[in-house]
C-alpha atoms as a PDB file:
ATOM      1  CA  MET A   1      -1.479 -18.659  -9.461  1.00  0.00           C
ATOM      2  CA  LYS A   2      -0.869 -16.302  -6.443  1.00  0.00           C
ATOM      3  CA  THR A   3       0.202 -13.195  -6.766  1.00  0.00           C
ATOM      4  CA  VAL A   4       2.551 -10.498  -4.630  1.00  0.00           C
ATOM      5  CA  ILE A   5       2.603  -6.899  -4.910  1.00  0.00           C
ATOM      6  CA  LEU A   6       5.976  -5.822  -6.594  1.00  0.00           C
ATOM      7  CA  ALA A   7       5.686  -1.875  -5.922  1.00  0.00           C
ATOM      8  CA  THR A   8       3.686   0.734  -5.428  1.00  0.00           C
ATOM      9  CA  LEU A   9       3.445   3.854  -7.543  1.00  0.00           C
ATOM     10  CA  GLU A  10       2.194   7.823  -7.911  1.00  0.00           C
ATOM     11  CA  ASN A  11       1.299   7.837 -11.137  1.00  0.00           C
ATOM     12  CA  SER A  12      -0.183   5.268 -14.212  1.00  0.00           C
ATOM     13  CA  PHE A  13       2.757   7.386 -16.354  1.00  0.00           C
ATOM     14  CA  GLN A  14       5.207   5.152 -13.648  1.00  0.00           C
ATOM     15  CA  ALA A  15       2.711   2.195 -13.293  1.00  0.00           C
ATOM     16  CA  ASN A  16       2.396   1.759 -17.281  1.00  0.00           C
ATOM     17  CA  LEU A  17       6.274   2.138 -17.802  1.00  0.00           C
ATOM     18  CA  LEU A  18       7.165  -0.363 -14.707  1.00  0.00           C
ATOM     19  CA  LYS A  19       4.048  -2.360 -16.531  1.00  0.00           C
ATOM     20  CA  GLU A  20       5.848  -2.376 -20.111  1.00  0.00           C
ATOM     21  CA  THR A  21       9.233  -2.728 -19.373  1.00  0.00           C
ATOM     22  CA  LEU A  22       8.232  -6.264 -16.812  1.00  0.00           C
ATOM     23  CA  SER A  23       5.890  -7.333 -20.517  1.00  0.00           C
ATOM     24  CA  ASN A  24       9.509  -6.547 -23.071  1.00  0.00           C
ATOM     25  CA  GLU A  25      10.883  -9.337 -20.239  1.00  0.00           C
ATOM     26  CA  GLY A  26       8.277 -12.475 -20.190  1.00  0.00           C
ATOM     27  CA  ILE A  27       6.997 -10.969 -17.209  1.00  0.00           C
ATOM     28  CA  GLU A  28       3.007 -10.243 -16.832  1.00  0.00           C
ATOM     29  CA  SER A  29       1.858  -7.734 -14.212  1.00  0.00           C
ATOM     30  CA  PHE A  30      -1.343  -6.285 -12.491  1.00  0.00           C
ATOM     31  CA  PHE A  31      -3.174  -2.401 -11.366  1.00  0.00           C
ATOM     32  CA  LYS A  32      -4.546  -2.396  -8.473  1.00  0.00           C
ATOM     33  CA  ASN A  33      -6.146   0.706  -8.029  1.00  0.00           C
ATOM     34  CA  GLU A  34      -5.395   2.261 -11.292  1.00  0.00           C
ATOM     35  CA  ASN A  35      -9.123   3.590 -12.274  1.00  0.00           C
ATOM     36  CA  ILE A  36      -9.621   5.625  -8.737  1.00  0.00           C
ATOM     37  CA  SER A  37      -5.689   6.748  -9.028  1.00  0.00           C
ATOM     38  CA  SER A  38      -6.939   8.005 -12.411  1.00  0.00           C
ATOM     39  CA  ILE A  39     -10.047  10.107 -11.391  1.00  0.00           C
ATOM     40  CA  LEU A  40      -8.469  11.164  -8.188  1.00  0.00           C
ATOM     41  CA  GLY A  41      -5.115  12.216  -9.077  1.00  0.00           C
ATOM     42  CA  ASN A  42      -2.055  11.747  -7.290  1.00  0.00           C
ATOM     43  CA  MET A  43      -3.658  11.373  -3.748  1.00  0.00           C
ATOM     44  CA  PRO A  44      -1.891   9.354  -1.462  1.00  0.00           C
ATOM     45  CA  ASP A  45      -4.373   7.041  -0.185  1.00  0.00           C
ATOM     46  CA  PHE A  46      -4.817   5.736  -4.037  1.00  0.00           C
ATOM     47  CA  GLN A  47      -1.458   5.099  -5.415  1.00  0.00           C
ATOM     48  CA  ILE A  48      -1.611   2.332  -8.204  1.00  0.00           C
ATOM     49  CA  GLU A  49      -0.044  -1.293  -7.099  1.00  0.00           C
ATOM     50  CA  ILE A  50       1.439  -3.093  -9.480  1.00  0.00           C
ATOM     51  CA  TYR A  51       1.262  -6.883  -8.641  1.00  0.00           C
ATOM     52  CA  VAL A  52       2.932 -10.165 -10.573  1.00  0.00           C
ATOM     53  CA  PHE A  53       3.022 -14.077 -10.502  1.00  0.00           C
ATOM     54  CA  ASP A  54       5.328 -15.161  -7.102  1.00  0.00           C
ATOM     55  CA  LYS A  55       6.704 -17.217  -9.252  1.00  0.00           C
ATOM     56  CA  ASP A  56       8.301 -14.300 -11.257  1.00  0.00           C
ATOM     57  CA  TYR A  57       8.459 -11.938  -8.412  1.00  0.00           C
ATOM     58  CA  ALA A  58      12.275 -12.600  -7.987  1.00  0.00           C
ATOM     59  CA  GLU A  59      13.308 -11.491 -11.630  1.00  0.00           C
ATOM     60  CA  ALA A  60      10.363  -8.981 -11.602  1.00  0.00           C
ATOM     61  CA  LEU A  61      12.585  -7.502  -8.187  1.00  0.00           C
ATOM     62  CA  ILE A  62      16.117  -7.615 -10.214  1.00  0.00           C
ATOM     63  CA  ILE A  63      14.132  -5.656 -13.062  1.00  0.00           C
ATOM     64  CA  LEU A  64      12.495  -3.056 -10.648  1.00  0.00           C
ATOM     65  CA  LYS A  65      15.711  -2.547  -8.864  1.00  0.00           C
ATOM     66  CA  ARG A  66      17.711  -2.500 -11.946  1.00  0.00           C
ATOM     67  CA  GLY A  67      15.134   0.568 -14.121  1.00  0.00           C
ATOM     68  CA  PHE A  68      13.627   1.932 -11.384  1.00  0.00           C
ATOM     69  CA  PRO A  69      16.026   1.741  -8.286  1.00  0.00           C
ATOM     70  CA  ASP A  70      13.283   4.731  -6.585  1.00  0.00           C
ATOM     71  CA  LEU A  71      10.539   2.349  -6.113  1.00  0.00           C
ATOM     72  CA  VAL A  72      12.134  -0.508  -4.312  1.00  0.00           C
ATOM     73  CA  ILE A  73      11.543  -0.545  -0.479  1.00  0.00           C
ATOM     74  CA  GLU A  74      13.846  -2.779   1.473  1.00  0.00           C
END
């Protein structure tokens, strides 16, 4: 299955909160750059990206807009 990026986050706290929220709604998500970000801190070049399966993207975007509106880029 293909994955698509849902959001880019500044820190692991935000990333884990969003991942848990998605999981509670039955949507599986994946991190990219999580280990690098935790080692290097909040460096802008090493932000954490959250991906979801393309079949879940529309629903995940609704959840993102509802719970994390400041992370939405349109």
